[in-house]
Each structure stands twice: as C-alpha cells, then as structure tokens.
Amino acid sequence: MITVPKKGEIYKHFKGNLYEIVTIAEHSETGEELVIYQALYGEGKIYARPVSDFVVKLPKEKYPEASQEYRFVLQDVKEESVDPLVMEFLDAGTYEERLELLDKMKETITDDMINTMAVVCDVEVPEGEISVRYENFKNCLITLRKYECSRLR
C-alpha cells in the first residue's frame, strides 16, 4: 500500500534538499495521481511527479552512496518546535533580510537551525564549533547577497 503525501508535509530528497507538498493532483487524461511539490531552497521551483515514483525505494545499484532507502522521506517537522526566526528566515525574500534575521539568532543558534537554513540557501556549512559554523554561514549569505541582484535571469 502506497502512503500518499499530504499538503504541507515536508520531505527530504535522497540528495539532501527539502520540499513541501503543495497538493495532490490528478492527471487529466490518465487519472494518475501526481504529487505537486515545491523546493524549499533556491528559487522555490515547483515540480510534479507521479505518487508511485515519489514514494519509491531507491535502486541501490544506481545510487550506492545514498543514505536514504526511499527517494523522498517524510520529515518530522513540528512548526511549534521550530524557532519563529527560522520560520521567518525560510520565508525571507532577500539575502539582506536573511542576514538581518541571522544576526538576531546569533546568541541562540543551534546546529539544527544552521543546517535547516543552509539547505534552504543551497549551501553547505561544514561541521564544527557553533560559532565557527555561524560565521561561515554568515559569510556565505554575504556572498550570496553581493551577487543577488546581478545574476542574469
């Protein structure tokens, strides 16, 4: 039996990025159920994939390095347990806003908070002491802010 994803659930792709379920749609000609999901990083692109392909086990011979058993894994994200500033960070429209929010979190930031925010910004912050990770992440955001408006679209 296939467990159909539900609107608002957060899933982690086996390559590490997070996605939010927008809705479940029905293909107009075949009647096949499609998962409509949005990236929680970069430009927030929206994708569609058949439910059966969304919840499929990964072929280990094709992806031997994958740490997940399935293509997408439901994340146990409880909004009430997520710092409100992190939620604001995830919704921020510019890197300038994200930098301001990061500064507000400096005294209370955790490794999990940095990991969540880094995934959304599509950057990797190496493991280590929290103050060093904070500074590394901040420097990444400063660099992204510098080039935010000059990218070709």
C-alpha atoms as a PDB file:
ATOM      1  CA  MET A   1       0.000   0.000   0.000  1.00  0.00           C
ATOM      2  CA  ILE A   2       1.358   3.421  -1.002  1.00  0.00           C
ATOM      3  CA  THR A   3       1.214   6.259   1.526  1.00  0.00           C
ATOM      4  CA  VAL A   4       0.124   9.358  -0.374  1.00  0.00           C
ATOM      5  CA  PRO A   5       1.895  12.558   0.737  1.00  0.00           C
ATOM      6  CA  LYS A   6      -0.321  15.291   2.184  1.00  0.00           C
ATOM      7  CA  LYS A   7      -0.417  19.037   1.615  1.00  0.00           C
ATOM      8  CA  GLY A   8       2.037  20.910   3.838  1.00  0.00           C
ATOM      9  CA  GLU A   9       4.232  17.921   4.656  1.00  0.00           C
ATOM     10  CA  ILE A  10       7.982  18.375   4.280  1.00  0.00           C
ATOM     11  CA  TYR A  11      10.026  15.683   2.529  1.00  0.00           C
ATOM     12  CA  LYS A  12      13.765  15.261   2.202  1.00  0.00           C
ATOM     13  CA  HIS A  13      15.088  14.087  -1.164  1.00  0.00           C
ATOM     14  CA  PHE A  14      17.838  11.471  -1.013  1.00  0.00           C
ATOM     15  CA  LYS A  15      20.303  14.102  -2.283  1.00  0.00           C
ATOM     16  CA  GLY A  16      19.549  16.277   0.764  1.00  0.00           C
ATOM     17  CA  ASN A  17      17.197  19.062  -0.325  1.00  0.00           C
ATOM     18  CA  LEU A  18      13.848  19.727   1.332  1.00  0.00           C
ATOM     19  CA  TYR A  19      10.496  20.008  -0.451  1.00  0.00           C
ATOM     20  CA  GLU A  20       6.999  20.937   0.691  1.00  0.00           C
ATOM     21  CA  ILE A  21       3.933  19.185  -0.686  1.00  0.00           C
ATOM     22  CA  VAL A  22       1.683  21.736  -2.403  1.00  0.00           C
ATOM     23  CA  THR A  23      -1.132  19.339  -3.322  1.00  0.00           C
ATOM     24  CA  ILE A  24      -2.013  16.031  -4.940  1.00  0.00           C
ATOM     25  CA  ALA A  25      -3.342  16.416  -8.476  1.00  0.00           C
ATOM     26  CA  GLU A  26      -4.995  14.058 -10.923  1.00  0.00           C
ATOM     27  CA  HIS A  27      -3.641  13.710 -14.452  1.00  0.00           C
ATOM     28  CA  SER A  28      -6.455  14.882 -16.748  1.00  0.00           C
ATOM     29  CA  GLU A  29      -6.124  12.017 -19.233  1.00  0.00           C
ATOM     30  CA  THR A  30      -4.781   9.037 -17.312  1.00  0.00           C
ATOM     31  CA  GLY A  31      -6.265   9.715 -13.871  1.00  0.00           C
ATOM     32  CA  GLU A  32      -2.824   9.058 -12.335  1.00  0.00           C
ATOM     33  CA  GLU A  33      -2.194  10.781  -9.005  1.00  0.00           C
ATOM     34  CA  LEU A  34       0.621  13.357  -9.125  1.00  0.00           C
ATOM     35  CA  VAL A  35       2.478  14.933  -6.229  1.00  0.00           C
ATOM     36  CA  ILE A  36       2.903  18.682  -6.715  1.00  0.00           C
ATOM     37  CA  TYR A  37       5.806  19.833  -4.556  1.00  0.00           C
ATOM     38  CA  GLN A  38       7.913  22.962  -4.090  1.00  0.00           C
ATOM     39  CA  ALA A  39      11.622  23.265  -3.388  1.00  0.00           C
ATOM     40  CA  LEU A  40      12.445  24.908  -0.066  1.00  0.00           C
ATOM     41  CA  TYR A  41      15.712  26.267  -1.474  1.00  0.00           C
ATOM     42  CA  GLY A  42      16.881  28.421  -4.360  1.00  0.00           C
ATOM     43  CA  GLU A  43      14.052  29.905  -6.401  1.00  0.00           C
ATOM     44  CA  GLY A  44      11.447  27.585  -4.893  1.00  0.00           C
ATOM     45  CA  LYS A  45      10.649  25.795  -8.144  1.00  0.00           C
ATOM     46  CA  ILE A  46       7.514  23.678  -8.294  1.00  0.00           C
ATOM     47  CA  TYR A  47       7.632  20.104  -9.579  1.00  0.00           C
ATOM     48  CA  ALA A  48       5.195  17.288 -10.367  1.00  0.00           C
ATOM     49  CA  ARG A  49       5.910  13.580 -10.062  1.00  0.00           C
ATOM     50  CA  PRO A  50       3.654  10.502 -10.027  1.00  0.00           C
ATOM     51  CA  VAL A  51       2.896   9.402  -6.463  1.00  0.00           C
ATOM     52  CA  SER A  52       4.254   5.939  -7.248  1.00  0.00           C
ATOM     53  CA  ASP A  53       7.593   7.478  -8.296  1.00  0.00           C
ATOM     54  CA  PHE A  54       7.671   9.901  -5.336  1.00  0.00           C
ATOM     55  CA  VAL A  55       7.471   7.202  -2.665  1.00  0.00           C
ATOM     56  CA  VAL A  56       9.613   4.611  -4.484  1.00  0.00           C
ATOM     57  CA  LYS A  57      12.574   2.770  -2.954  1.00  0.00           C
ATOM     58  CA  LEU A  58      15.914   3.793  -4.426  1.00  0.00           C
ATOM     59  CA  PRO A  59      17.693   1.216  -6.567  1.00  0.00           C
ATOM     60  CA  LYS A  60      20.895   0.631  -4.564  1.00  0.00           C
ATOM     61  CA  GLU A  61      22.800  -0.379  -7.692  1.00  0.00           C
ATOM     62  CA  LYS A  62      22.097   3.026  -9.270  1.00  0.00           C
ATOM     63  CA  TYR A  63      22.601   5.068  -6.067  1.00  0.00           C
ATOM     64  CA  PRO A  64      25.056   3.109  -3.887  1.00  0.00           C
ATOM     65  CA  GLU A  65      26.094   6.225  -1.939  1.00  0.00           C
ATOM     66  CA  ALA A  66      22.528   7.180  -0.933  1.00  0.00           C
ATOM     67  CA  SER A  67      21.899   7.155   2.804  1.00  0.00           C
ATOM     68  CA  GLN A  68      18.103   7.009   2.431  1.00  0.00           C
ATOM     69  CA  GLU A  69      16.143   3.922   1.490  1.00  0.00           C
ATOM     70  CA  TYR A  70      13.471   5.927  -0.377  1.00  0.00           C
ATOM     71  CA  ARG A  71      13.654   8.748  -2.943  1.00  0.00           C
ATOM     72  CA  PHE A  72      11.778  11.070  -0.552  1.00  0.00           C
ATOM     73  CA  VAL A  73      11.447  10.694   3.228  1.00  0.00           C
ATOM     74  CA  LEU A  74       8.842  12.493   5.325  1.00  0.00           C
ATOM     75  CA  GLN A  75      10.467  14.865   7.806  1.00  0.00           C
ATOM     76  CA  ASP A  76       9.140  15.204  11.330  1.00  0.00           C
ATOM     77  CA  VAL A  77       8.867  18.990  11.327  1.00  0.00           C
ATOM     78  CA  LYS A  78       6.680  20.450  14.028  1.00  0.00           C
ATOM     79  CA  GLU A  79       6.241  24.143  13.383  1.00  0.00           C
ATOM     80  CA  GLU A  80       5.640  24.900  17.029  1.00  0.00           C
ATOM     81  CA  SER A  81       9.080  23.472  17.866  1.00  0.00           C
ATOM     82  CA  VAL A  82      10.842  25.476  15.141  1.00  0.00           C
ATOM     83  CA  ASP A  83      12.189  28.845  16.211  1.00  0.00           C
ATOM     84  CA  PRO A  84       9.944  31.619  14.785  1.00  0.00           C
ATOM     85  CA  LEU A  85      13.034  33.443  13.492  1.00  0.00           C
ATOM     86  CA  VAL A  86      13.993  30.339  11.496  1.00  0.00           C
ATOM     87  CA  MET A  87      10.494  30.291  10.005  1.00  0.00           C
ATOM     88  CA  GLU A  88      10.892  33.979   9.087  1.00  0.00           C
ATOM     89  CA  PHE A  89      14.301  33.177   7.592  1.00  0.00           C
ATOM     90  CA  LEU A  90      12.757  30.446   5.427  1.00  0.00           C
ATOM     91  CA  ASP A  91      10.118  32.894   4.166  1.00  0.00           C
ATOM     92  CA  ALA A  92      12.506  35.839   3.635  1.00  0.00           C
ATOM     93  CA  GLY A  93      12.621  37.186   0.087  1.00  0.00           C
ATOM     94  CA  THR A  94      16.173  38.527   0.012  1.00  0.00           C
ATOM     95  CA  TYR A  95      19.570  37.658   1.414  1.00  0.00           C
ATOM     96  CA  GLU A  96      19.612  41.052   3.125  1.00  0.00           C
ATOM     97  CA  GLU A  97      16.536  40.030   5.147  1.00  0.00           C
ATOM     98  CA  ARG A  98      18.107  36.645   5.887  1.00  0.00           C
ATOM     99  CA  LEU A  99      21.291  38.293   7.169  1.00  0.00           C
ATOM    100  CA  GLU A 100      19.280  40.540   9.499  1.00  0.00           C
ATOM    101  CA  LEU A 101      17.390  37.527  10.863  1.00  0.00           C
ATOM    102  CA  LEU A 102      20.610  35.540  11.254  1.00  0.00           C
ATOM    103  CA  ASP A 103      22.075  38.372  13.345  1.00  0.00           C
ATOM    104  CA  LYS A 104      19.033  38.187  15.647  1.00  0.00           C
ATOM    105  CA  MET A 105      19.655  34.456  16.159  1.00  0.00           C
ATOM    106  CA  LYS A 106      23.364  34.744  16.962  1.00  0.00           C
ATOM    107  CA  GLU A 107      23.032  34.076  20.717  1.00  0.00           C
ATOM    108  CA  THR A 108      20.543  31.196  20.429  1.00  0.00           C
ATOM    109  CA  ILE A 109      21.522  29.495  17.174  1.00  0.00           C
ATOM    110  CA  THR A 110      21.944  25.709  17.093  1.00  0.00           C
ATOM    111  CA  ASP A 111      23.466  23.250  14.641  1.00  0.00           C
ATOM    112  CA  ASP A 112      19.978  22.146  13.560  1.00  0.00           C
ATOM    113  CA  MET A 113      18.973  25.748  12.844  1.00  0.00           C
ATOM    114  CA  ILE A 114      22.086  26.299  10.715  1.00  0.00           C
ATOM    115  CA  ASN A 115      21.522  23.021   8.863  1.00  0.00           C
ATOM    116  CA  THR A 116      17.902  23.913   8.073  1.00  0.00           C
ATOM    117  CA  MET A 117      18.725  27.415   6.873  1.00  0.00           C
ATOM    118  CA  ALA A 118      21.744  26.247   4.872  1.00  0.00           C
ATOM    119  CA  VAL A 119      19.640  23.699   2.952  1.00  0.00           C
ATOM    120  CA  VAL A 120      17.162  26.425   2.020  1.00  0.00           C
ATOM    121  CA  CYS A 121      20.009  28.624   0.746  1.00  0.00           C
ATOM    122  CA  ASP A 122      21.538  25.674  -1.114  1.00  0.00           C
ATOM    123  CA  VAL A 123      24.876  25.983   0.707  1.00  0.00           C
ATOM    124  CA  GLU A 124      26.889  23.562   2.809  1.00  0.00           C
ATOM    125  CA  VAL A 125      28.250  24.623   6.175  1.00  0.00           C
ATOM    126  CA  PRO A 126      30.947  22.225   7.446  1.00  0.00           C
ATOM    127  CA  GLU A 127      30.528  20.636  10.880  1.00  0.00           C
ATOM    128  CA  GLY A 128      32.449  22.171  13.743  1.00  0.00           C
ATOM    129  CA  GLU A 129      32.148  24.620  16.614  1.00  0.00           C
ATOM    130  CA  ILE A 130      28.836  26.508  16.517  1.00  0.00           C
ATOM    131  CA  SER A 131      30.455  29.978  16.485  1.00  0.00           C
ATOM    132  CA  VAL A 132      32.648  28.998  13.522  1.00  0.00           C
ATOM    133  CA  ARG A 133      29.664  27.488  11.676  1.00  0.00           C
ATOM    134  CA  TYR A 134      27.665  30.673  12.330  1.00  0.00           C
ATOM    135  CA  GLU A 135      30.436  32.849  10.865  1.00  0.00           C
ATOM    136  CA  ASN A 136      30.879  30.529   7.862  1.00  0.00           C
ATOM    137  CA  PHE A 137      27.151  30.609   7.155  1.00  0.00           C
ATOM    138  CA  LYS A 138      27.030  34.383   7.579  1.00  0.00           C
ATOM    139  CA  ASN A 139      29.921  34.773   5.090  1.00  0.00           C
ATOM    140  CA  CYS A 140      28.055  32.584   2.595  1.00  0.00           C
ATOM    141  CA  LEU A 141      24.972  34.810   2.929  1.00  0.00           C
ATOM    142  CA  ILE A 142      27.080  37.949   2.475  1.00  0.00           C
ATOM    143  CA  THR A 143      28.498  36.492  -0.745  1.00  0.00           C
ATOM    144  CA  LEU A 144      25.041  35.485  -1.981  1.00  0.00           C
ATOM    145  CA  ARG A 145      23.715  38.969  -1.152  1.00  0.00           C
ATOM    146  CA  LYS A 146      26.525  40.556  -3.155  1.00  0.00           C
ATOM    147  CA  TYR A 147      25.511  38.708  -6.313  1.00  0.00           C
ATOM    148  CA  GLU A 148      21.757  38.554  -5.696  1.00  0.00           C
ATOM    149  CA  CYS A 149      20.809  41.423  -7.991  1.00  0.00           C
ATOM    150  CA  SER A 150      23.476  40.987 -10.656  1.00  0.00           C
ATOM    151  CA  ARG A 151      22.543  37.458 -11.766  1.00  0.00           C
ATOM    152  CA  LEU A 152      21.277  37.005 -15.277  1.00  0.00           C
ATOM    153  CA  ARG A 153      17.662  35.931 -15.236  1.00  0.00           C
END
